[in-house]
Amino acid sequence: TADMLVDTLMLGRSQNGNNTANSAGNLLLGAGN
């Protein structure tokens, strides 16, 4: 169970500049807020 207060949640932001690299963010929640 999670109880989280967050102002800004960033999920998956890739690199600056021109490239093909990927960035992945995974947020997996059960019970809670």
Full PDB file with SEQRES, HELIX, SHEET, SSBOND, CRYST1, ORIGX, SCALE, CONECT and MASTER records, all heavy atoms in Angstrom:
SEQRES   1 A   33  THR ALA ASP MET LEU VAL ASP THR LEU MET LEU GLY ARG          
SEQRES   2 A   33  SER GLN ASN GLY ASN ASN THR ALA ASN SER ALA GLY ASN          
SEQRES   3 A   33  LEU LEU LEU GLY ALA GLY ASN                                  
CRYST1    1.000    1.000    1.000  90.00  90.00  90.00 P 1           1          
ORIGX1      1.000000  0.000000  0.000000        0.00000                         
ORIGX2      0.000000  1.000000  0.000000        0.00000                         
ORIGX3      0.000000  0.000000  1.000000        0.00000                         
SCALE1      1.000000  0.000000  0.000000        0.00000                         
SCALE2      0.000000  1.000000  0.000000        0.00000                         
SCALE3      0.000000  0.000000  1.000000        0.00000                         
ATOM      1  N   THR A   1       0.848  -1.192   0.000  1.00  0.00           N  
ATOM      2  CA  THR A   1       0.000   0.000   0.000  1.00  0.00           C  
ATOM      3  C   THR A   1       0.882   1.240   0.000  1.00  0.00           C  
ATOM      4  O   THR A   1       1.862   1.307   0.745  1.00  0.00           O  
ATOM      5  CB  THR A   1      -0.909   0.014   1.247  1.00  0.00           C  
ATOM      6  OG1 THR A   1      -1.709  -1.167   1.233  1.00  0.00           O  
ATOM      7  CG2 THR A   1      -1.809   1.230   1.256  1.00  0.00           C  
ATOM      8  N   ALA A   2       0.530   2.205  -0.837  1.00  0.00           N  
ATOM      9  CA  ALA A   2       1.292   3.455  -0.923  1.00  0.00           C  
ATOM     10  C   ALA A   2       0.381   4.642  -0.645  1.00  0.00           C  
ATOM     11  O   ALA A   2      -0.787   4.643  -1.027  1.00  0.00           O  
ATOM     12  CB  ALA A   2       1.906   3.591  -2.310  1.00  0.00           C  
ATOM     13  N   ASP A   3       0.951   5.650   0.010  1.00  0.00           N  
ATOM     14  CA  ASP A   3       0.271   6.917   0.240  1.00  0.00           C  
ATOM     15  C   ASP A   3       1.275   7.998  -0.145  1.00  0.00           C  
ATOM     16  O   ASP A   3       2.214   8.271   0.602  1.00  0.00           O  
ATOM     17  CB  ASP A   3      -0.152   7.045   1.702  1.00  0.00           C  
ATOM     18  CG  ASP A   3      -0.969   8.296   1.964  1.00  0.00           C  
ATOM     19  OD1 ASP A   3      -1.025   9.189   1.093  1.00  0.00           O  
ATOM     20  OD2 ASP A   3      -1.548   8.391   3.059  1.00  0.00           O  
ATOM     21  N   MET A   4       1.103   8.593  -1.343  1.00  0.00           N  
ATOM     22  CA  MET A   4       2.103   9.501  -1.893  1.00  0.00           C  
ATOM     23  C   MET A   4       1.493  10.846  -2.250  1.00  0.00           C  
ATOM     24  O   MET A   4       0.481  10.904  -2.947  1.00  0.00           O  
ATOM     25  CB  MET A   4       2.743   8.878  -3.136  1.00  0.00           C  
ATOM     26  CG  MET A   4       3.418   7.539  -2.869  1.00  0.00           C  
ATOM     27  SD  MET A   4       4.324   6.869  -4.279  1.00  0.00           S  
ATOM     28  CE  MET A   4       3.020   6.526  -5.429  1.00  0.00           C  
ATOM     29  N   LEU A   5       2.137  11.919  -1.791  1.00  0.00           N  
ATOM     30  CA  LEU A   5       1.803  13.284  -2.184  1.00  0.00           C  
ATOM     31  C   LEU A   5       2.951  13.814  -3.018  1.00  0.00           C  
ATOM     32  O   LEU A   5       4.087  13.902  -2.531  1.00  0.00           O  
ATOM     33  CB  LEU A   5       1.613  14.181  -0.960  1.00  0.00           C  
ATOM     34  CG  LEU A   5       0.414  13.919  -0.071  1.00  0.00           C  
ATOM     35  CD1 LEU A   5       0.415  14.888   1.102  1.00  0.00           C  
ATOM     36  CD2 LEU A   5      -0.883  14.025  -0.853  1.00  0.00           C  
ATOM     37  N   VAL A   6       2.693  14.168  -4.280  1.00  0.00           N  
ATOM     38  CA  VAL A   6       3.743  14.584  -5.214  1.00  0.00           C  
ATOM     39  C   VAL A   6       3.280  15.831  -5.961  1.00  0.00           C  
ATOM     40  O   VAL A   6       2.138  15.887  -6.428  1.00  0.00           O  
ATOM     41  CB  VAL A   6       4.052  13.451  -6.227  1.00  0.00           C  
ATOM     42  CG1 VAL A   6       5.118  13.873  -7.211  1.00  0.00           C  
ATOM     43  CG2 VAL A   6       4.459  12.176  -5.496  1.00  0.00           C  
ATOM     44  N   ASP A   7       4.173  16.800  -6.098  1.00  0.00           N  
ATOM     45  CA  ASP A   7       3.842  17.978  -6.893  1.00  0.00           C  
ATOM     46  C   ASP A   7       3.946  17.641  -8.378  1.00  0.00           C  
ATOM     47  O   ASP A   7       2.979  17.720  -9.105  1.00  0.00           O  
ATOM     48  CB  ASP A   7       4.753  19.159  -6.525  1.00  0.00           C  
ATOM     49  CG  ASP A   7       4.309  20.431  -7.215  1.00  0.00           C  
ATOM     50  OD1 ASP A   7       3.090  20.643  -7.360  1.00  0.00           O  
ATOM     51  OD2 ASP A   7       5.182  21.216  -7.626  1.00  0.00           O  
ATOM     52  N   THR A   8       5.157  17.231  -8.854  1.00  0.00           N  
ATOM     53  CA  THR A   8       5.350  16.874 -10.263  1.00  0.00           C  
ATOM     54  C   THR A   8       5.852  15.442 -10.361  1.00  0.00           C  
ATOM     55  O   THR A   8       6.886  15.110  -9.794  1.00  0.00           O  
ATOM     56  CB  THR A   8       6.356  17.822 -10.941  1.00  0.00           C  
ATOM     57  OG1 THR A   8       5.872  19.162 -10.852  1.00  0.00           O  
ATOM     58  CG2 THR A   8       6.548  17.445 -12.402  1.00  0.00           C  
ATOM     59  N   LEU A   9       5.118  14.619 -11.091  1.00  0.00           N  
ATOM     60  CA  LEU A   9       5.506  13.243 -11.381  1.00  0.00           C  
ATOM     61  C   LEU A   9       5.874  13.169 -12.849  1.00  0.00           C  
ATOM     62  O   LEU A   9       5.050  13.469 -13.719  1.00  0.00           O  
ATOM     63  CB  LEU A   9       4.369  12.276 -11.071  1.00  0.00           C  
ATOM     64  CG  LEU A   9       4.567  10.806 -11.459  1.00  0.00           C  
ATOM     65  CD1 LEU A   9       5.799  10.216 -10.797  1.00  0.00           C  
ATOM     66  CD2 LEU A   9       3.338  10.003 -11.111  1.00  0.00           C  
ATOM     67  N   MET A  10       7.132  12.821 -13.134  1.00  0.00           N  
ATOM     68  CA  MET A  10       7.601  12.696 -14.504  1.00  0.00           C  
ATOM     69  C   MET A  10       7.892  11.222 -14.764  1.00  0.00           C  
ATOM     70  O   MET A  10       8.684  10.600 -14.056  1.00  0.00           O  
ATOM     71  CB  MET A  10       8.866  13.521 -14.719  1.00  0.00           C  
ATOM     72  CG  MET A  10       9.329  13.498 -16.145  1.00  0.00           C  
ATOM     73  SD  MET A  10      10.606  14.712 -16.436  1.00  0.00           S  
ATOM     74  CE  MET A  10       9.711  16.210 -16.111  1.00  0.00           C  
ATOM     75  N   LEU A  11       7.228  10.682 -15.773  1.00  0.00           N  
ATOM     76  CA  LEU A  11       7.329   9.260 -16.076  1.00  0.00           C  
ATOM     77  C   LEU A  11       7.803   9.096 -17.512  1.00  0.00           C  
ATOM     78  O   LEU A  11       7.043   9.294 -18.459  1.00  0.00           O  
ATOM     79  CB  LEU A  11       5.949   8.616 -15.877  1.00  0.00           C  
ATOM     80  CG  LEU A  11       5.845   7.114 -15.854  1.00  0.00           C  
ATOM     81  CD1 LEU A  11       6.704   6.514 -14.752  1.00  0.00           C  
ATOM     82  CD2 LEU A  11       4.390   6.707 -15.661  1.00  0.00           C  
ATOM     83  N   GLY A  12       9.112   8.808 -17.685  1.00  0.00           N  
ATOM     84  CA  GLY A  12       9.684   8.593 -19.009  1.00  0.00           C  
ATOM     85  C   GLY A  12       9.996   9.866 -19.757  1.00  0.00           C  
ATOM     86  O   GLY A  12       9.165  10.367 -20.500  1.00  0.00           O  
ATOM     87  N   ARG A  13      11.191  10.413 -19.544  1.00  0.00           N  
ATOM     88  CA  ARG A  13      11.640  11.596 -20.296  1.00  0.00           C  
ATOM     89  C   ARG A  13      12.963  11.244 -20.955  1.00  0.00           C  
ATOM     90  O   ARG A  13      13.917  10.844 -20.300  1.00  0.00           O  
ATOM     91  CB  ARG A  13      11.812  12.797 -19.364  1.00  0.00           C  
ATOM     92  CG  ARG A  13      12.282  14.041 -20.123  1.00  0.00           C  
ATOM     93  CD  ARG A  13      12.189  15.302 -19.318  1.00  0.00           C  
ATOM     94  NE  ARG A  13      13.081  15.311 -18.168  1.00  0.00           N  
ATOM     95  CZ  ARG A  13      13.464  16.417 -17.540  1.00  0.00           C  
ATOM     96  NH1 ARG A  13      13.017  17.599 -17.944  1.00  0.00           N  
ATOM     97  NH2 ARG A  13      14.256  16.356 -16.508  1.00  0.00           N  
ATOM     98  N   SER A  14      13.024  11.404 -22.267  1.00  0.00           N  
ATOM     99  CA  SER A  14      14.222  10.999 -23.007  1.00  0.00           C  
ATOM    100  C   SER A  14      15.282  12.087 -22.997  1.00  0.00           C  
ATOM    101  O   SER A  14      15.080  13.186 -22.502  1.00  0.00           O  
ATOM    102  CB  SER A  14      13.857  10.617 -24.442  1.00  0.00           C  
ATOM    103  OG  SER A  14      13.368  11.747 -25.117  1.00  0.00           O  
ATOM    104  N   GLN A  15      16.422  11.756 -23.589  1.00  0.00           N  
ATOM    105  CA  GLN A  15      17.606  12.614 -23.563  1.00  0.00           C  
ATOM    106  C   GLN A  15      17.424  13.919 -24.318  1.00  0.00           C  
ATOM    107  O   GLN A  15      16.628  14.007 -25.241  1.00  0.00           O  
ATOM    108  CB  GLN A  15      18.788  11.878 -24.173  1.00  0.00           C  
ATOM    109  CG  GLN A  15      19.190  10.651 -23.421  1.00  0.00           C  
ATOM    110  CD  GLN A  15      20.258   9.872 -24.143  1.00  0.00           C  
ATOM    111  OE1 GLN A  15      20.708  10.251 -25.205  1.00  0.00           O  
ATOM    112  NE2 GLN A  15      20.676   8.772 -23.567  1.00  0.00           N  
ATOM    113  N   ASN A  16      18.231  14.893 -23.926  1.00  0.00           N  
ATOM    114  CA  ASN A  16      18.324  16.137 -24.688  1.00  0.00           C  
ATOM    115  C   ASN A  16      19.062  15.868 -25.989  1.00  0.00           C  
ATOM    116  O   ASN A  16      19.896  14.982 -26.065  1.00  0.00           O  
ATOM    117  CB  ASN A  16      19.092  17.194 -23.889  1.00  0.00           C  
ATOM    118  CG  ASN A  16      18.367  17.606 -22.641  1.00  0.00           C  
ATOM    119  OD1 ASN A  16      17.151  17.643 -22.605  1.00  0.00           O  
ATOM    120  ND2 ASN A  16      19.117  17.906 -21.608  1.00  0.00           N  
ATOM    121  N   GLY A  17      18.779  16.641 -26.995  1.00  0.00           N  
ATOM    122  CA  GLY A  17      19.507  16.509 -28.254  1.00  0.00           C  
ATOM    123  C   GLY A  17      18.867  15.528 -29.207  1.00  0.00           C  
ATOM    124  O   GLY A  17      17.846  14.915 -28.929  1.00  0.00           O  
ATOM    125  N   ASN A  18      19.494  15.367 -30.360  1.00  0.00           N  
ATOM    126  CA  ASN A  18      18.982  14.456 -31.388  1.00  0.00           C  
ATOM    127  C   ASN A  18      19.624  13.098 -31.227  1.00  0.00           C  
ATOM    128  O   ASN A  18      20.822  12.942 -31.417  1.00  0.00           O  
ATOM    129  CB  ASN A  18      19.292  15.008 -32.787  1.00  0.00           C  
ATOM    130  CG  ASN A  18      18.541  16.287 -33.053  1.00  0.00           C  
ATOM    131  OD1 ASN A  18      17.404  16.423 -32.631  1.00  0.00           O  
ATOM    132  ND2 ASN A  18      19.171  17.227 -33.744  1.00  0.00           N  
ATOM    133  N   ASN A  19      18.847  12.105 -30.867  1.00  0.00           N  
ATOM    134  CA  ASN A  19      19.337  10.734 -30.762  1.00  0.00           C  
ATOM    135  C   ASN A  19      18.145   9.804 -30.778  1.00  0.00           C  
ATOM    136  O   ASN A  19      17.004  10.226 -30.749  1.00  0.00           O  
ATOM    137  CB  ASN A  19      20.174  10.549 -29.496  1.00  0.00           C  
ATOM    138  CG  ASN A  19      19.363  10.829 -28.251  1.00  0.00           C  
ATOM    139  OD1 ASN A  19      18.463  10.059 -27.945  1.00  0.00           O  
ATOM    140  ND2 ASN A  19      19.643  11.917 -27.568  1.00  0.00           N  
ATOM    141  N   THR A  20      18.410   8.524 -30.796  1.00  0.00           N  
ATOM    142  CA  THR A  20      17.337   7.545 -30.868  1.00  0.00           C  
ATOM    143  C   THR A  20      17.180   6.758 -29.567  1.00  0.00           C  
ATOM    144  O   THR A  20      16.440   5.794 -29.534  1.00  0.00           O  
ATOM    145  CB  THR A  20      17.600   6.556 -32.017  1.00  0.00           C  
ATOM    146  OG1 THR A  20      18.866   5.925 -31.786  1.00  0.00           O  
ATOM    147  CG2 THR A  20      17.605   7.269 -33.352  1.00  0.00           C  
ATOM    148  N   ALA A  21      17.887   7.140 -28.518  1.00  0.00           N  
ATOM    149  CA  ALA A  21      17.784   6.422 -27.252  1.00  0.00           C  
ATOM    150  C   ALA A  21      16.445   6.686 -26.586  1.00  0.00           C  
ATOM    151  O   ALA A  21      15.950   7.805 -26.581  1.00  0.00           O  
ATOM    152  CB  ALA A  21      18.913   6.830 -26.319  1.00  0.00           C  
ATOM    153  N   ASN A  22      15.860   5.645 -26.036  1.00  0.00           N  
ATOM    154  CA  ASN A  22      14.583   5.758 -25.360  1.00  0.00           C  
ATOM    155  C   ASN A  22      14.773   5.743 -23.855  1.00  0.00           C  
ATOM    156  O   ASN A  22      15.709   5.153 -23.342  1.00  0.00           O  
ATOM    157  CB  ASN A  22      13.672   4.581 -25.743  1.00  0.00           C  
ATOM    158  CG  ASN A  22      13.350   4.588 -27.207  1.00  0.00           C  
ATOM    159  OD1 ASN A  22      13.117   5.644 -27.788  1.00  0.00           O  
ATOM    160  ND2 ASN A  22      13.327   3.416 -27.818  1.00  0.00           N  
ATOM    161  N   SER A  23      13.855   6.374 -23.175  1.00  0.00           N  
ATOM    162  CA  SER A  23      13.808   6.332 -21.726  1.00  0.00           C  
ATOM    163  C   SER A  23      12.424   5.852 -21.339  1.00  0.00           C  
ATOM    164  O   SER A  23      11.426   6.331 -21.872  1.00  0.00           O  
ATOM    165  CB  SER A  23      14.079   7.718 -21.150  1.00  0.00           C  
ATOM    166  OG  SER A  23      14.069   7.669 -19.758  1.00  0.00           O  
ATOM    167  N   ALA A  24      12.360   4.899 -20.417  1.00  0.00           N  
ATOM    168  CA  ALA A  24      11.075   4.345 -20.014  1.00  0.00           C  
ATOM    169  C   ALA A  24      10.888   4.502 -18.520  1.00  0.00           C  
ATOM    170  O   ALA A  24      11.809   4.263 -17.743  1.00  0.00           O  
ATOM    171  CB  ALA A  24      10.989   2.872 -20.401  1.00  0.00           C  
ATOM    172  N   GLY A  25       9.695   4.896 -18.129  1.00  0.00           N  
ATOM    173  CA  GLY A  25       9.337   4.977 -16.725  1.00  0.00           C  
ATOM    174  C   GLY A  25       8.178   4.043 -16.447  1.00  0.00           C  
ATOM    175  O   GLY A  25       7.194   4.029 -17.184  1.00  0.00           O  
ATOM    176  N   ASN A  26       8.307   3.250 -15.387  1.00  0.00           N  
ATOM    177  CA  ASN A  26       7.263   2.305 -15.002  1.00  0.00           C  
ATOM    178  C   ASN A  26       6.787   2.629 -13.598  1.00  0.00           C  
ATOM    179  O   ASN A  26       7.590   2.634 -12.660  1.00  0.00           O  
ATOM    180  CB  ASN A  26       7.803   0.869 -15.022  1.00  0.00           C  
ATOM    181  CG  ASN A  26       8.323   0.475 -16.380  1.00  0.00           C  
ATOM    182  OD1 ASN A  26       7.605   0.555 -17.367  1.00  0.00           O  
ATOM    183  ND2 ASN A  26       9.573   0.074 -16.448  1.00  0.00           N  
ATOM    184  N   LEU A  27       5.517   2.899 -13.442  1.00  0.00           N  
ATOM    185  CA  LEU A  27       4.906   3.128 -12.148  1.00  0.00           C  
ATOM    186  C   LEU A  27       3.844   2.059 -11.961  1.00  0.00           C  
ATOM    187  O   LEU A  27       2.831   2.035 -12.678  1.00  0.00           O  
ATOM    188  CB  LEU A  27       4.280   4.527 -12.082  1.00  0.00           C  
ATOM    189  CG  LEU A  27       3.530   4.882 -10.811  1.00  0.00           C  
ATOM    190  CD1 LEU A  27       4.441   4.803  -9.593  1.00  0.00           C  
ATOM    191  CD2 LEU A  27       2.899   6.261 -10.937  1.00  0.00           C  
ATOM    192  N   LEU A  28       4.073   1.156 -11.023  1.00  0.00           N  
ATOM    193  CA  LEU A  28       3.194   0.020 -10.799  1.00  0.00           C  
ATOM    194  C   LEU A  28       2.647   0.112  -9.374  1.00  0.00           C  
ATOM    195  O   LEU A  28       3.409   0.034  -8.414  1.00  0.00           O  
ATOM    196  CB  LEU A  28       3.969  -1.287 -10.993  1.00  0.00           C  
ATOM    197  CG  LEU A  28       4.711  -1.383 -12.337  1.00  0.00           C  
ATOM    198  CD1 LEU A  28       5.769  -2.453 -12.301  1.00  0.00           C  
ATOM    199  CD2 LEU A  28       3.728  -1.611 -13.452  1.00  0.00           C  
ATOM    200  N   LEU A  29       1.340   0.304  -9.263  1.00  0.00           N  
ATOM    201  CA  LEU A  29       0.721   0.533  -7.964  1.00  0.00           C  
ATOM    202  C   LEU A  29      -0.211  -0.595  -7.577  1.00  0.00           C  
ATOM    203  O   LEU A  29      -0.875  -1.180  -8.424  1.00  0.00           O  
ATOM    204  CB  LEU A  29      -0.061   1.845  -7.972  1.00  0.00           C  
ATOM    205  CG  LEU A  29       0.756   3.099  -8.270  1.00  0.00           C  
ATOM    206  CD1 LEU A  29      -0.159   4.305  -8.436  1.00  0.00           C  
ATOM    207  CD2 LEU A  29       1.778   3.341  -7.180  1.00  0.00           C  
ATOM    208  N   GLY A  30      -0.258  -0.860  -6.282  1.00  0.00           N  
ATOM    209  CA  GLY A  30      -1.248  -1.771  -5.712  1.00  0.00           C  
ATOM    210  C   GLY A  30      -2.332  -0.918  -5.078  1.00  0.00           C  
ATOM    211  O   GLY A  30      -2.920  -0.057  -5.716  1.00  0.00           O  
ATOM    212  N   ALA A  31      -2.538  -1.064  -3.788  1.00  0.00           N  
ATOM    213  CA  ALA A  31      -3.540  -0.294  -3.053  1.00  0.00           C  
ATOM    214  C   ALA A  31      -2.961   1.039  -2.601  1.00  0.00           C  
ATOM    215  O   ALA A  31      -1.752   1.221  -2.557  1.00  0.00           O  
ATOM    216  CB  ALA A  31      -4.004  -1.099  -1.840  1.00  0.00           C  
ATOM    217  N   GLY A  32      -3.857   1.985  -2.271  1.00  0.00           N  
ATOM    218  CA  GLY A  32      -3.396   3.230  -1.681  1.00  0.00           C  
ATOM    219  C   GLY A  32      -3.835   4.466  -2.429  1.00  0.00           C  
ATOM    220  O   GLY A  32      -4.780   4.439  -3.212  1.00  0.00           O  
ATOM    221  N   ASN A  33      -3.112   5.565  -2.174  1.00  0.00           N  
ATOM    222  CA  ASN A  33      -3.430   6.869  -2.748  1.00  0.00           C  
ATOM    223  C   ASN A  33      -2.215   7.466  -3.426  1.00  0.00           C  
ATOM    224  O   ASN A  33      -1.115   7.446  -2.862  1.00  0.00           O  
ATOM    225  CB  ASN A  33      -3.879   7.843  -1.645  1.00  0.00           C  
ATOM    226  CG  ASN A  33      -5.135   7.379  -0.966  1.00  0.00           C  
ATOM    227  OD1 ASN A  33      -6.132   7.119  -1.622  1.00  0.00           O  
ATOM    228  ND2 ASN A  33      -5.086   7.270   0.344  1.00  0.00           N  
TER     229      ASN A  33                                                      
MASTER        0    0    0    0    0    0    0    6  228    1    0    3          
END                                                                             
